[in-house]
Amino acid sequence: MADGGAAEPQRKFRILDWLEVLAKLVGASAVLVVALFANSLQSRLTGVSIQSQREQAESQLRASMFTSLIGPLGGPSSSDKPMPVRLNSLGASNAHRELEPGHERFERRRNRRQR
């Protein structure tokens, strides 16, 4: 009987030891999972930040290219017309040249149908 009584507390200690080890493993695993998730989130945010900076640099480059290309077309700003008016008239003449062939074809088709 004395042996049976001594075996019961030792068995409880073994179960408690296993539970302690299991609790430590679960805790360490949880820390590892959280660290991996945080790393993944940080890499995504870094990628988004880099893409945003690239798009911003691209738009600045386009803006500077636009002003350097349009500036000479507008001529000096001391003329009688302000620059937006000169650019509008330039755009209108360009649009007229581009749309004129299509308009002429439309007029010919309309005249044929009316006959």
N, C-alpha and C. Protein backbone atom coordinates (compact mmCIF):
# COMPACT_ATOMS: atom_id res chain seq x y z
N MET A 1 0.79 -1.18 0.00
CA MET A 1 0.00 0.00 0.00
C MET A 1 0.85 1.26 0.00
N ALA A 2 1.95 1.20 0.66
CA ALA A 2 2.84 2.34 0.71
C ALA A 2 3.40 2.65 -0.67
N ASP A 3 3.66 1.64 -1.46
CA ASP A 3 4.16 1.86 -2.81
C ASP A 3 3.09 2.49 -3.70
N GLY A 4 1.86 2.06 -3.56
CA GLY A 4 0.76 2.60 -4.36
C GLY A 4 0.52 4.06 -4.04
N GLY A 5 0.65 4.44 -2.82
CA GLY A 5 0.46 5.83 -2.42
C GLY A 5 1.59 6.72 -2.92
N ALA A 6 2.78 6.18 -2.99
CA ALA A 6 3.93 6.96 -3.46
C ALA A 6 3.90 7.10 -4.98
N ALA A 7 3.32 6.15 -5.66
CA ALA A 7 3.26 6.19 -7.12
C ALA A 7 2.29 7.26 -7.61
N GLU A 8 1.22 7.48 -6.84
CA GLU A 8 0.21 8.47 -7.23
C GLU A 8 0.79 9.89 -7.25
N PRO A 9 1.51 10.36 -6.22
CA PRO A 9 2.08 11.71 -6.28
C PRO A 9 3.14 11.84 -7.37
N GLN A 10 3.92 10.79 -7.59
CA GLN A 10 4.94 10.86 -8.64
C GLN A 10 4.28 10.95 -10.01
N ARG A 11 3.18 10.28 -10.21
CA ARG A 11 2.44 10.34 -11.47
C ARG A 11 1.89 11.75 -11.69
N LYS A 12 1.41 12.37 -10.60
CA LYS A 12 0.92 13.74 -10.69
C LYS A 12 2.05 14.69 -11.07
N PHE A 13 3.23 14.46 -10.52
CA PHE A 13 4.38 15.30 -10.87
C PHE A 13 4.74 15.13 -12.34
N ARG A 14 4.68 13.91 -12.85
CA ARG A 14 4.98 13.69 -14.27
C ARG A 14 3.98 14.39 -15.16
N ILE A 15 2.71 14.34 -14.80
CA ILE A 15 1.67 15.03 -15.59
C ILE A 15 1.89 16.53 -15.53
N LEU A 16 2.20 17.03 -14.34
CA LEU A 16 2.46 18.46 -14.20
C LEU A 16 3.70 18.88 -14.99
N ASP A 17 4.72 18.04 -15.00
CA ASP A 17 5.92 18.33 -15.80
C ASP A 17 5.57 18.41 -17.28
N TRP A 18 4.78 17.46 -17.75
CA TRP A 18 4.38 17.47 -19.16
C TRP A 18 3.52 18.70 -19.48
N LEU A 19 2.62 19.05 -18.59
CA LEU A 19 1.79 20.25 -18.80
C LEU A 19 2.64 21.52 -18.81
N GLU A 20 3.64 21.55 -17.95
CA GLU A 20 4.54 22.71 -17.92
C GLU A 20 5.31 22.84 -19.23
N VAL A 21 5.83 21.71 -19.72
CA VAL A 21 6.56 21.72 -20.99
C VAL A 21 5.63 22.13 -22.13
N LEU A 22 4.42 21.57 -22.12
CA LEU A 22 3.45 21.89 -23.16
C LEU A 22 3.08 23.38 -23.13
N ALA A 23 2.89 23.94 -21.94
CA ALA A 23 2.56 25.36 -21.81
C ALA A 23 3.71 26.23 -22.34
N LYS A 24 4.93 25.83 -22.04
CA LYS A 24 6.08 26.60 -22.55
C LYS A 24 6.16 26.54 -24.07
N LEU A 25 5.88 25.36 -24.64
CA LEU A 25 5.91 25.23 -26.10
C LEU A 25 4.81 26.04 -26.76
N VAL A 26 3.63 26.03 -26.17
CA VAL A 26 2.52 26.82 -26.71
C VAL A 26 2.85 28.30 -26.65
N GLY A 27 3.42 28.74 -25.55
CA GLY A 27 3.80 30.15 -25.42
C GLY A 27 4.85 30.55 -26.44
N ALA A 28 5.86 29.71 -26.60
CA ALA A 28 6.92 30.01 -27.57
C ALA A 28 6.37 29.99 -28.98
N SER A 29 5.46 29.05 -29.27
CA SER A 29 4.86 28.98 -30.60
C SER A 29 4.03 30.22 -30.89
N ALA A 30 3.29 30.68 -29.89
CA ALA A 30 2.48 31.89 -30.06
C ALA A 30 3.36 33.10 -30.35
N VAL A 31 4.46 33.22 -29.66
CA VAL A 31 5.39 34.33 -29.90
C VAL A 31 5.96 34.24 -31.32
N LEU A 32 6.29 33.05 -31.76
CA LEU A 32 6.83 32.85 -33.10
C LEU A 32 5.80 33.21 -34.17
N VAL A 33 4.55 32.80 -33.99
CA VAL A 33 3.50 33.11 -34.96
C VAL A 33 3.26 34.62 -35.04
N VAL A 34 3.22 35.28 -33.90
CA VAL A 34 3.02 36.73 -33.88
C VAL A 34 4.18 37.44 -34.56
N ALA A 35 5.39 36.99 -34.33
CA ALA A 35 6.56 37.62 -34.96
C ALA A 35 6.52 37.43 -36.48
N LEU A 36 6.16 36.25 -36.94
CA LEU A 36 6.06 36.01 -38.39
C LEU A 36 4.97 36.87 -39.01
N PHE A 37 3.83 36.98 -38.34
CA PHE A 37 2.74 37.81 -38.85
C PHE A 37 3.16 39.28 -38.93
N ALA A 38 3.82 39.76 -37.90
CA ALA A 38 4.29 41.16 -37.89
C ALA A 38 5.31 41.41 -39.00
N ASN A 39 6.19 40.45 -39.24
CA ASN A 39 7.17 40.59 -40.31
C ASN A 39 6.48 40.64 -41.68
N SER A 40 5.49 39.79 -41.88
CA SER A 40 4.74 39.80 -43.14
C SER A 40 4.03 41.13 -43.34
N LEU A 41 3.40 41.64 -42.30
CA LEU A 41 2.71 42.91 -42.38
C LEU A 41 3.67 44.05 -42.68
N GLN A 42 4.82 44.03 -42.04
CA GLN A 42 5.81 45.08 -42.26
C GLN A 42 6.34 45.04 -43.69
N SER A 43 6.56 43.86 -44.24
CA SER A 43 7.06 43.79 -45.62
C SER A 43 6.02 44.28 -46.61
N ARG A 44 4.74 44.01 -46.34
CA ARG A 44 3.70 44.55 -47.22
C ARG A 44 3.66 46.06 -47.17
N LEU A 45 3.74 46.61 -45.95
CA LEU A 45 3.72 48.07 -45.81
C LEU A 45 4.93 48.71 -46.47
N THR A 46 6.07 48.06 -46.39
CA THR A 46 7.26 48.59 -47.04
C THR A 46 7.09 48.59 -48.56
N GLY A 47 6.51 47.52 -49.09
CA GLY A 47 6.26 47.46 -50.54
C GLY A 47 5.29 48.54 -50.99
N VAL A 48 4.25 48.78 -50.21
CA VAL A 48 3.28 49.83 -50.55
C VAL A 48 3.95 51.20 -50.48
N SER A 49 4.79 51.40 -49.48
CA SER A 49 5.49 52.68 -49.35
C SER A 49 6.43 52.93 -50.52
N ILE A 50 7.15 51.91 -50.93
CA ILE A 50 8.07 52.06 -52.08
C ILE A 50 7.29 52.36 -53.34
N GLN A 51 6.17 51.68 -53.54
CA GLN A 51 5.36 51.91 -54.74
C GLN A 51 4.79 53.33 -54.73
N SER A 52 4.36 53.79 -53.57
CA SER A 52 3.82 55.15 -53.47
C SER A 52 4.90 56.19 -53.78
N GLN A 53 6.10 55.98 -53.26
CA GLN A 53 7.19 56.92 -53.54
C GLN A 53 7.55 56.92 -55.03
N ARG A 54 7.52 55.74 -55.66
CA ARG A 54 7.83 55.65 -57.09
C ARG A 54 6.78 56.39 -57.91
N GLU A 55 5.49 56.22 -57.55
CA GLU A 55 4.43 56.91 -58.28
C GLU A 55 4.53 58.42 -58.09
N GLN A 56 4.88 58.85 -56.90
CA GLN A 56 5.03 60.28 -56.65
C GLN A 56 6.19 60.85 -57.47
N ALA A 57 7.30 60.14 -57.53
CA ALA A 57 8.44 60.61 -58.32
C ALA A 57 8.08 60.64 -59.80
N GLU A 58 7.31 59.65 -60.25
CA GLU A 58 6.89 59.61 -61.65
C GLU A 58 6.01 60.80 -62.00
N SER A 59 5.08 61.13 -61.12
CA SER A 59 4.19 62.26 -61.39
C SER A 59 4.96 63.58 -61.37
N GLN A 60 5.94 63.71 -60.48
CA GLN A 60 6.76 64.92 -60.48
C GLN A 60 7.57 65.03 -61.77
N LEU A 61 8.09 63.90 -62.23
CA LEU A 61 8.84 63.91 -63.48
C LEU A 61 7.95 64.30 -64.66
N ARG A 62 6.74 63.76 -64.69
CA ARG A 62 5.81 64.13 -65.77
C ARG A 62 5.47 65.60 -65.72
N ALA A 63 5.26 66.13 -64.52
CA ALA A 63 4.93 67.55 -64.40
C ALA A 63 6.09 68.42 -64.89
N SER A 64 7.30 68.07 -64.51
CA SER A 64 8.45 68.87 -64.96
C SER A 64 8.66 68.72 -66.47
N MET A 65 8.44 67.51 -66.99
CA MET A 65 8.57 67.33 -68.44
C MET A 65 7.51 68.13 -69.17
N PHE A 66 6.29 68.16 -68.65
CA PHE A 66 5.23 68.91 -69.28
C PHE A 66 5.55 70.39 -69.34
N THR A 67 6.02 70.94 -68.23
CA THR A 67 6.34 72.37 -68.23
C THR A 67 7.53 72.67 -69.14
N SER A 68 8.50 71.76 -69.18
CA SER A 68 9.66 72.03 -70.05
C SER A 68 9.30 71.86 -71.52
N LEU A 69 8.30 71.05 -71.85
CA LEU A 69 7.88 70.89 -73.24
C LEU A 69 6.90 71.98 -73.67
N ILE A 70 6.00 72.37 -72.80
CA ILE A 70 4.97 73.36 -73.14
C ILE A 70 5.51 74.78 -73.03
N GLY A 71 6.44 75.02 -72.14
CA GLY A 71 6.98 76.37 -71.95
C GLY A 71 7.49 76.99 -73.24
N PRO A 72 8.31 76.31 -74.02
CA PRO A 72 8.77 76.91 -75.27
C PRO A 72 7.67 77.13 -76.29
N LEU A 73 6.64 76.31 -76.26
CA LEU A 73 5.54 76.49 -77.22
C LEU A 73 4.72 77.72 -76.90
N GLY A 74 4.58 78.01 -75.62
CA GLY A 74 3.81 79.17 -75.21
C GLY A 74 4.54 80.48 -75.47
N GLY A 75 5.81 80.43 -75.64
CA GLY A 75 6.59 81.63 -75.88
C GLY A 75 6.79 82.43 -74.61
N PRO A 76 7.36 83.62 -74.75
CA PRO A 76 7.57 84.45 -73.57
C PRO A 76 6.24 84.92 -72.99
N SER A 77 6.20 85.11 -71.72
CA SER A 77 4.94 85.48 -71.06
C SER A 77 4.64 86.96 -71.15
N SER A 78 5.48 87.74 -71.82
CA SER A 78 5.25 89.19 -71.91
C SER A 78 4.45 89.55 -73.16
N SER A 79 3.85 88.60 -73.86
CA SER A 79 3.08 88.93 -75.07
C SER A 79 1.70 89.45 -74.69
N ASP A 80 0.91 89.78 -75.69
CA ASP A 80 -0.40 90.37 -75.43
C ASP A 80 -1.40 89.37 -74.87
N LYS A 81 -1.28 88.08 -75.22
CA LYS A 81 -2.19 87.06 -74.72
C LYS A 81 -1.54 86.33 -73.55
N PRO A 82 -2.31 86.02 -72.54
CA PRO A 82 -1.73 85.20 -71.46
C PRO A 82 -1.48 83.77 -71.95
N MET A 83 -0.61 83.09 -71.27
CA MET A 83 -0.18 81.76 -71.70
C MET A 83 -1.34 80.76 -71.86
N PRO A 84 -2.31 80.68 -70.95
CA PRO A 84 -3.39 79.71 -71.15
C PRO A 84 -4.18 79.95 -72.43
N VAL A 85 -4.37 81.22 -72.80
CA VAL A 85 -5.11 81.52 -74.03
C VAL A 85 -4.30 81.05 -75.24
N ARG A 86 -3.00 81.30 -75.22
CA ARG A 86 -2.16 80.85 -76.34
C ARG A 86 -2.16 79.33 -76.44
N LEU A 87 -2.08 78.64 -75.30
CA LEU A 87 -2.08 77.18 -75.33
C LEU A 87 -3.42 76.63 -75.79
N ASN A 88 -4.52 77.30 -75.39
CA ASN A 88 -5.83 76.86 -75.85
C ASN A 88 -5.97 77.01 -77.36
N SER A 89 -5.51 78.13 -77.89
CA SER A 89 -5.61 78.31 -79.34
C SER A 89 -4.71 77.31 -80.06
N LEU A 90 -3.55 77.00 -79.49
CA LEU A 90 -2.68 76.00 -80.09
C LEU A 90 -3.35 74.63 -80.06
N GLY A 91 -3.96 74.28 -78.94
CA GLY A 91 -4.67 73.01 -78.85
C GLY A 91 -5.85 72.94 -79.79
N ALA A 92 -6.57 74.05 -79.95
CA ALA A 92 -7.73 74.07 -80.85
C ALA A 92 -7.29 73.89 -82.28
N SER A 93 -6.20 74.53 -82.69
CA SER A 93 -5.75 74.36 -84.07
C SER A 93 -5.26 72.93 -84.30
N ASN A 94 -4.62 72.34 -83.31
CA ASN A 94 -4.17 70.96 -83.44
C ASN A 94 -5.37 70.02 -83.52
N ALA A 95 -6.39 70.25 -82.70
CA ALA A 95 -7.59 69.41 -82.73
C ALA A 95 -8.29 69.56 -84.07
N HIS A 96 -8.32 70.77 -84.60
CA HIS A 96 -8.98 70.99 -85.90
C HIS A 96 -8.26 70.20 -86.99
N ARG A 97 -6.93 70.22 -86.96
CA ARG A 97 -6.18 69.45 -87.97
C ARG A 97 -6.41 67.96 -87.82
N GLU A 98 -6.55 67.48 -86.59
CA GLU A 98 -6.76 66.05 -86.37
C GLU A 98 -8.17 65.62 -86.73
N LEU A 99 -9.15 66.46 -86.46
CA LEU A 99 -10.54 66.07 -86.67
C LEU A 99 -11.05 66.40 -88.06
N GLU A 100 -10.36 67.24 -88.81
CA GLU A 100 -10.83 67.68 -90.12
C GLU A 100 -11.04 66.52 -91.10
N PRO A 101 -10.12 65.55 -91.25
CA PRO A 101 -10.35 64.46 -92.20
C PRO A 101 -11.60 63.64 -91.84
N GLY A 102 -11.84 63.38 -90.61
CA GLY A 102 -13.03 62.65 -90.21
C GLY A 102 -14.30 63.43 -90.47
N HIS A 103 -14.23 64.73 -90.25
CA HIS A 103 -15.39 65.58 -90.50
C HIS A 103 -15.71 65.63 -91.99
N GLU A 104 -14.68 65.71 -92.83
CA GLU A 104 -14.91 65.73 -94.27
C GLU A 104 -15.55 64.43 -94.73
N ARG A 105 -15.11 63.28 -94.20
CA ARG A 105 -15.73 62.00 -94.57
C ARG A 105 -17.18 61.95 -94.12
N PHE A 106 -17.46 62.49 -92.95
CA PHE A 106 -18.83 62.51 -92.46
C PHE A 106 -19.70 63.36 -93.38
N GLU A 107 -19.18 64.50 -93.79
CA GLU A 107 -19.94 65.39 -94.69
C GLU A 107 -20.22 64.70 -96.02
N ARG A 108 -19.24 63.99 -96.57
CA ARG A 108 -19.45 63.29 -97.85
C ARG A 108 -20.52 62.21 -97.70
N ARG A 109 -20.48 61.44 -96.64
CA ARG A 109 -21.50 60.40 -96.42
C ARG A 109 -22.88 61.01 -96.26
N ARG A 110 -22.95 62.10 -95.53
CA ARG A 110 -24.25 62.74 -95.31
C ARG A 110 -24.81 63.28 -96.62
N ASN A 111 -23.93 63.86 -97.45
CA ASN A 111 -24.39 64.37 -98.75
C ASN A 111 -24.86 63.24 -99.66
N ARG A 112 -24.19 62.09 -99.63
CA ARG A 112 -24.61 60.95 -100.44
C ARG A 112 -25.97 60.44 -99.99
N ARG A 113 -26.21 60.39 -98.72
CA ARG A 113 -27.49 59.89 -98.20
C ARG A 113 -28.64 60.85 -98.51
N GLN A 114 -28.34 62.12 -98.54
CA GLN A 114 -29.38 63.12 -98.81
C GLN A 114 -29.81 63.10 -100.27
N ARG A 115 -28.97 62.64 -101.15
CA ARG A 115 -29.32 62.62 -102.58
C ARG A 115 -30.27 61.58 -102.89
